[in-house]
């Protein structure tokens, strides 16, 4: 399972457009966004940011465990496909770097909000 496949639906769920304002300027009630629902399934309410970030952390952790398992099987002689081990380690490293960069951007955004005058 690739990291992109495991969290590939998150950006589309986060970037969906909210309904705009009406002609008179009154806001329109937002419609529920489908998250992890198969086609034709009823819409569910959007997940909070904490659960989305938790899913991303779990996906990165799973990717790292997968890389460890493949590397262990190569080192013990159960598998002779070294390239799969290297690819799995690189994928886990890139996934971790992505998670760290997202965290850094969140901290930077929070700090910027704290600097704003009340």
N, C-alpha and C. Protein backbone atom coordinates (compact mmCIF):
# COMPACT_ATOMS: atom_id res chain seq x y z
N UNK A 1 0.84 -1.16 0.00
CA UNK A 1 0.00 0.00 0.00
C UNK A 1 0.89 1.23 0.00
N UNK A 2 0.67 2.10 -0.93
CA UNK A 2 1.52 3.28 -1.00
C UNK A 2 0.94 4.40 -0.14
N UNK A 3 1.81 5.30 0.26
CA UNK A 3 1.39 6.44 1.06
C UNK A 3 0.40 7.29 0.28
N UNK A 4 0.66 7.46 -0.99
CA UNK A 4 -0.22 8.28 -1.81
C UNK A 4 -1.60 7.65 -1.87
N UNK A 5 -1.66 6.33 -2.00
CA UNK A 5 -2.94 5.66 -2.04
C UNK A 5 -3.67 5.71 -0.71
N UNK A 6 -2.92 5.73 0.39
CA UNK A 6 -3.56 5.71 1.69
C UNK A 6 -4.07 7.06 2.13
N UNK A 7 -3.45 8.14 1.65
CA UNK A 7 -3.94 9.47 2.03
C UNK A 7 -4.29 10.29 0.80
N UNK A 8 -4.41 9.64 -0.33
CA UNK A 8 -4.67 10.37 -1.56
C UNK A 8 -5.99 11.12 -1.57
N UNK A 9 -6.95 10.68 -0.77
CA UNK A 9 -8.24 11.33 -0.77
C UNK A 9 -8.29 12.53 0.16
N UNK A 10 -7.30 12.74 0.99
CA UNK A 10 -7.32 13.84 1.95
C UNK A 10 -7.26 15.20 1.26
N UNK A 11 -6.33 15.43 0.32
CA UNK A 11 -6.30 16.76 -0.29
C UNK A 11 -7.60 17.12 -0.99
N UNK A 12 -8.24 16.15 -1.67
CA UNK A 12 -9.49 16.49 -2.34
C UNK A 12 -10.58 16.82 -1.33
N UNK A 13 -10.58 16.15 -0.19
CA UNK A 13 -11.58 16.45 0.83
C UNK A 13 -11.33 17.81 1.46
N UNK A 14 -10.07 18.17 1.62
CA UNK A 14 -9.74 19.45 2.24
C UNK A 14 -9.89 20.62 1.28
N UNK A 15 -9.75 20.36 -0.01
CA UNK A 15 -9.75 21.45 -0.96
C UNK A 15 -11.07 21.62 -1.69
N UNK A 16 -12.08 20.88 -1.30
CA UNK A 16 -13.36 21.06 -1.95
C UNK A 16 -13.89 22.45 -1.64
N UNK A 17 -14.56 23.01 -2.59
CA UNK A 17 -15.08 24.37 -2.41
C UNK A 17 -16.29 24.36 -1.50
N UNK A 18 -16.33 25.34 -0.66
CA UNK A 18 -17.51 25.55 0.17
C UNK A 18 -18.52 26.33 -0.66
N UNK A 19 -19.79 26.13 -0.37
CA UNK A 19 -20.78 26.89 -1.13
C UNK A 19 -20.58 28.39 -0.90
N UNK A 20 -20.77 29.17 -1.94
CA UNK A 20 -20.59 30.61 -1.86
C UNK A 20 -21.78 31.29 -1.22
N UNK A 21 -21.74 32.58 -1.23
CA UNK A 21 -22.83 33.36 -0.65
C UNK A 21 -23.95 33.50 -1.68
N UNK A 22 -25.12 33.77 -1.19
CA UNK A 22 -26.26 34.00 -2.08
C UNK A 22 -26.15 35.38 -2.68
N UNK A 23 -27.05 35.73 -3.59
CA UNK A 23 -27.03 37.04 -4.23
C UNK A 23 -27.17 38.17 -3.21
N UNK A 24 -27.95 37.93 -2.14
CA UNK A 24 -28.16 38.97 -1.14
C UNK A 24 -26.99 39.06 -0.17
N UNK A 25 -26.05 38.14 -0.24
CA UNK A 25 -24.90 38.18 0.64
C UNK A 25 -25.04 37.29 1.86
N UNK A 26 -26.16 36.63 2.02
CA UNK A 26 -26.35 35.73 3.16
C UNK A 26 -25.63 34.43 2.87
N UNK A 27 -24.94 33.86 3.88
CA UNK A 27 -24.20 32.62 3.65
C UNK A 27 -25.15 31.44 3.46
N UNK A 28 -24.72 30.50 2.68
CA UNK A 28 -25.46 29.28 2.43
C UNK A 28 -24.92 28.21 3.35
N UNK A 29 -25.78 27.38 3.93
CA UNK A 29 -25.34 26.29 4.81
C UNK A 29 -24.48 25.33 4.02
N UNK A 30 -23.31 24.93 4.56
CA UNK A 30 -22.44 24.02 3.83
C UNK A 30 -23.05 22.63 3.72
N UNK A 31 -22.75 21.98 2.62
CA UNK A 31 -23.21 20.61 2.43
C UNK A 31 -22.15 19.66 2.93
N UNK A 32 -22.54 18.47 3.43
CA UNK A 32 -21.55 17.51 3.93
C UNK A 32 -20.61 17.06 2.82
N UNK A 33 -19.36 16.80 3.18
CA UNK A 33 -18.35 16.32 2.26
C UNK A 33 -18.16 14.83 2.50
N UNK A 34 -18.06 14.07 1.40
CA UNK A 34 -17.83 12.64 1.56
C UNK A 34 -16.35 12.39 1.79
N UNK A 35 -16.03 11.68 2.87
CA UNK A 35 -14.67 11.31 3.18
C UNK A 35 -14.61 9.79 3.29
N UNK A 36 -13.77 9.18 2.48
CA UNK A 36 -13.60 7.72 2.46
C UNK A 36 -14.91 7.00 2.21
N UNK A 37 -15.77 7.54 1.37
CA UNK A 37 -17.03 6.89 1.05
C UNK A 37 -16.98 6.39 -0.38
N UNK A 38 -17.44 5.15 -0.61
CA UNK A 38 -17.49 4.69 -1.99
C UNK A 38 -18.55 5.46 -2.76
N UNK A 39 -18.48 5.38 -4.07
CA UNK A 39 -19.43 6.10 -4.91
C UNK A 39 -20.84 5.62 -4.60
N UNK A 40 -21.74 6.55 -4.48
CA UNK A 40 -23.13 6.22 -4.20
C UNK A 40 -23.45 6.13 -2.72
N UNK A 41 -22.45 6.19 -1.86
CA UNK A 41 -22.70 6.12 -0.42
C UNK A 41 -23.20 7.48 0.06
N UNK A 42 -23.97 7.50 1.12
CA UNK A 42 -24.46 8.79 1.62
C UNK A 42 -23.31 9.64 2.12
N UNK A 43 -23.49 10.93 2.01
CA UNK A 43 -22.45 11.87 2.44
C UNK A 43 -22.34 11.86 3.96
N UNK A 44 -21.10 12.00 4.45
CA UNK A 44 -20.86 12.07 5.89
C UNK A 44 -20.34 13.45 6.22
N UNK A 45 -20.39 13.79 7.48
CA UNK A 45 -19.88 15.09 7.88
C UNK A 45 -18.36 15.07 7.79
N UNK A 46 -17.74 16.20 7.52
CA UNK A 46 -16.29 16.24 7.39
C UNK A 46 -15.60 15.94 8.71
N UNK A 47 -14.47 15.27 8.62
CA UNK A 47 -13.70 14.94 9.81
C UNK A 47 -12.98 16.19 10.30
N UNK A 48 -12.74 16.25 11.59
CA UNK A 48 -12.01 17.40 12.11
C UNK A 48 -10.53 17.27 11.73
N UNK A 49 -9.83 18.38 11.84
CA UNK A 49 -8.44 18.40 11.39
C UNK A 49 -7.57 17.43 12.16
N UNK A 50 -7.84 17.27 13.44
CA UNK A 50 -7.05 16.35 14.25
C UNK A 50 -7.12 14.93 13.74
N UNK A 51 -8.30 14.49 13.34
CA UNK A 51 -8.42 13.12 12.86
C UNK A 51 -7.77 12.95 11.48
N UNK A 52 -7.82 14.00 10.65
CA UNK A 52 -7.15 13.93 9.35
C UNK A 52 -5.65 13.83 9.55
N UNK A 53 -5.11 14.64 10.46
CA UNK A 53 -3.67 14.60 10.73
C UNK A 53 -3.30 13.26 11.37
N UNK A 54 -4.16 12.72 12.23
CA UNK A 54 -3.91 11.42 12.84
C UNK A 54 -3.86 10.32 11.79
N UNK A 55 -4.73 10.39 10.79
CA UNK A 55 -4.71 9.41 9.71
C UNK A 55 -3.40 9.49 8.93
N UNK A 56 -2.91 10.70 8.71
CA UNK A 56 -1.66 10.87 8.00
C UNK A 56 -0.50 10.28 8.81
N UNK A 57 -0.50 10.51 10.11
CA UNK A 57 0.56 9.96 10.96
C UNK A 57 0.52 8.43 10.95
N UNK A 58 -0.68 7.87 11.02
CA UNK A 58 -0.80 6.41 10.98
C UNK A 58 -0.33 5.85 9.64
N UNK A 59 -0.59 6.56 8.55
CA UNK A 59 -0.14 6.10 7.24
C UNK A 59 1.39 6.13 7.15
N UNK A 60 2.00 7.16 7.70
CA UNK A 60 3.47 7.25 7.71
C UNK A 60 4.05 6.14 8.58
N UNK A 61 3.44 5.90 9.72
CA UNK A 61 3.92 4.83 10.61
C UNK A 61 3.81 3.47 9.93
N UNK A 62 2.69 3.24 9.25
CA UNK A 62 2.52 1.96 8.54
C UNK A 62 3.56 1.81 7.44
N UNK A 63 3.87 2.91 6.75
CA UNK A 63 4.87 2.87 5.69
C UNK A 63 6.25 2.53 6.27
N UNK A 64 6.57 3.08 7.44
CA UNK A 64 7.86 2.79 8.07
C UNK A 64 7.94 1.34 8.53
N UNK A 65 6.84 0.82 9.08
CA UNK A 65 6.83 -0.59 9.50
C UNK A 65 6.94 -1.52 8.30
N UNK A 66 6.29 -1.15 7.21
CA UNK A 66 6.38 -1.96 6.00
C UNK A 66 7.82 -1.99 5.49
N UNK A 67 8.50 -0.85 5.52
CA UNK A 67 9.90 -0.79 5.08
C UNK A 67 10.79 -1.63 5.99
N UNK A 68 10.53 -1.58 7.29
CA UNK A 68 11.31 -2.40 8.22
C UNK A 68 11.11 -3.89 7.96
N UNK A 69 9.87 -4.29 7.69
CA UNK A 69 9.58 -5.70 7.44
C UNK A 69 10.26 -6.20 6.16
N UNK A 70 10.21 -5.39 5.10
CA UNK A 70 10.84 -5.79 3.84
C UNK A 70 12.35 -5.86 4.01
N UNK A 71 12.93 -4.90 4.72
CA UNK A 71 14.38 -4.90 4.95
C UNK A 71 14.79 -6.09 5.81
N UNK A 72 14.00 -6.38 6.82
CA UNK A 72 14.30 -7.53 7.67
C UNK A 72 14.27 -8.83 6.88
N UNK A 73 13.30 -8.96 5.97
CA UNK A 73 13.22 -10.18 5.18
C UNK A 73 14.41 -10.31 4.22
N UNK A 74 14.91 -9.19 3.73
CA UNK A 74 16.10 -9.24 2.86
C UNK A 74 17.32 -9.61 3.69
N UNK A 75 17.46 -9.02 4.87
CA UNK A 75 18.64 -9.29 5.71
C UNK A 75 18.66 -10.72 6.24
N UNK A 76 17.50 -11.31 6.47
CA UNK A 76 17.46 -12.69 6.98
C UNK A 76 17.49 -13.72 5.86
N UNK A 77 17.48 -13.28 4.61
CA UNK A 77 17.57 -14.20 3.49
C UNK A 77 16.24 -14.76 3.03
N UNK A 78 15.15 -14.31 3.58
CA UNK A 78 13.83 -14.79 3.16
C UNK A 78 13.43 -14.22 1.81
N UNK A 79 14.00 -13.10 1.46
CA UNK A 79 13.67 -12.42 0.22
C UNK A 79 14.98 -11.93 -0.39
N UNK A 80 15.14 -12.09 -1.69
CA UNK A 80 16.38 -11.66 -2.32
C UNK A 80 16.20 -10.41 -3.18
N UNK A 81 15.14 -9.67 -2.97
CA UNK A 81 14.85 -8.50 -3.79
C UNK A 81 15.24 -7.24 -3.02
N UNK A 82 16.51 -6.93 -3.09
CA UNK A 82 17.06 -5.78 -2.39
C UNK A 82 16.44 -4.47 -2.87
N UNK A 83 16.12 -4.41 -4.15
CA UNK A 83 15.55 -3.17 -4.69
C UNK A 83 14.22 -2.81 -4.04
N UNK A 84 13.42 -3.83 -3.68
CA UNK A 84 12.15 -3.55 -3.00
C UNK A 84 12.40 -2.95 -1.61
N UNK A 85 13.43 -3.43 -0.95
CA UNK A 85 13.78 -2.90 0.35
C UNK A 85 14.22 -1.44 0.25
N UNK A 86 15.04 -1.13 -0.73
CA UNK A 86 15.52 0.24 -0.91
C UNK A 86 14.36 1.17 -1.28
N UNK A 87 13.49 0.72 -2.15
CA UNK A 87 12.34 1.52 -2.55
C UNK A 87 11.42 1.77 -1.36
N UNK A 88 11.18 0.73 -0.56
CA UNK A 88 10.31 0.89 0.62
C UNK A 88 10.91 1.86 1.62
N UNK A 89 12.23 1.79 1.80
CA UNK A 89 12.88 2.73 2.72
C UNK A 89 12.81 4.16 2.20
N UNK A 90 12.97 4.35 0.90
CA UNK A 90 12.88 5.69 0.31
C UNK A 90 11.46 6.24 0.43
N UNK A 91 10.46 5.40 0.18
CA UNK A 91 9.07 5.84 0.32
C UNK A 91 8.77 6.25 1.75
N UNK A 92 9.25 5.47 2.71
CA UNK A 92 9.03 5.80 4.12
C UNK A 92 9.74 7.10 4.47
N UNK A 93 10.93 7.30 3.95
CA UNK A 93 11.66 8.54 4.22
C UNK A 93 10.97 9.76 3.64
N UNK A 94 10.48 9.64 2.42
CA UNK A 94 9.77 10.75 1.79
C UNK A 94 8.47 11.04 2.52
N UNK A 95 7.76 10.00 2.94
CA UNK A 95 6.51 10.19 3.68
C UNK A 95 6.77 10.90 5.00
N UNK A 96 7.85 10.52 5.67
CA UNK A 96 8.19 11.17 6.94
C UNK A 96 8.57 12.63 6.71
N UNK A 97 9.34 12.90 5.67
CA UNK A 97 9.72 14.28 5.36
C UNK A 97 8.49 15.13 5.06
N UNK A 98 7.53 14.56 4.34
CA UNK A 98 6.29 15.27 4.05
C UNK A 98 5.55 15.60 5.33
N UNK A 99 5.46 14.64 6.24
CA UNK A 99 4.77 14.86 7.51
C UNK A 99 5.47 15.95 8.32
N UNK A 100 6.79 15.94 8.34
CA UNK A 100 7.53 16.97 9.09
C UNK A 100 7.29 18.34 8.47
N UNK A 101 7.28 18.44 7.15
CA UNK A 101 7.05 19.72 6.50
C UNK A 101 5.64 20.24 6.76
N UNK A 102 4.66 19.34 6.77
CA UNK A 102 3.29 19.76 7.09
C UNK A 102 3.24 20.27 8.52
N UNK A 103 3.90 19.57 9.43
CA UNK A 103 3.95 20.03 10.82
C UNK A 103 4.62 21.40 10.92
N UNK A 104 5.72 21.59 10.21
CA UNK A 104 6.42 22.87 10.24
C UNK A 104 5.53 24.00 9.72
N UNK A 105 4.77 23.74 8.67
CA UNK A 105 3.87 24.76 8.14
C UNK A 105 2.75 25.07 9.12
N UNK A 106 2.27 24.05 9.81
CA UNK A 106 1.22 24.28 10.81
C UNK A 106 1.75 25.13 11.97
N UNK A 107 2.94 24.82 12.43
CA UNK A 107 3.53 25.60 13.52
C UNK A 107 3.77 27.03 13.07
N UNK A 108 4.27 27.19 11.85
CA UNK A 108 4.50 28.53 11.31
C UNK A 108 3.19 29.31 11.19
N UNK A 109 2.13 28.65 10.76
CA UNK A 109 0.82 29.30 10.65
C UNK A 109 0.31 29.71 12.02
N UNK A 110 0.46 28.83 12.99
CA UNK A 110 0.01 29.14 14.35
C UNK A 110 0.78 30.34 14.90
N UNK A 111 2.09 30.36 14.69
CA UNK A 111 2.90 31.49 15.17
C UNK A 111 2.48 32.80 14.50
N UNK A 112 2.16 32.71 13.21
CA UNK A 112 1.71 33.91 12.49
C UNK A 112 0.37 34.39 13.06
N UNK A 113 -0.51 33.48 13.38
CA UNK A 113 -1.79 33.87 14.00
C UNK A 113 -1.57 34.50 15.36
N UNK A 114 -0.62 34.00 16.11
CA UNK A 114 -0.36 34.55 17.44
C UNK A 114 0.25 35.96 17.36
N UNK A 115 0.93 36.26 16.26
CA UNK A 115 1.52 37.58 16.08
C UNK A 115 0.50 38.64 15.66
N UNK A 116 -0.67 38.19 15.21
CA UNK A 116 -1.68 39.14 14.74
C UNK A 116 -2.27 39.92 15.92
N UNK A 117 -2.51 41.19 15.71
CA UNK A 117 -3.12 41.96 16.81
C UNK A 117 -4.57 41.55 17.01
N UNK A 118 -5.01 41.66 18.25
CA UNK A 118 -6.37 41.23 18.58
C UNK A 118 -7.42 42.19 18.16
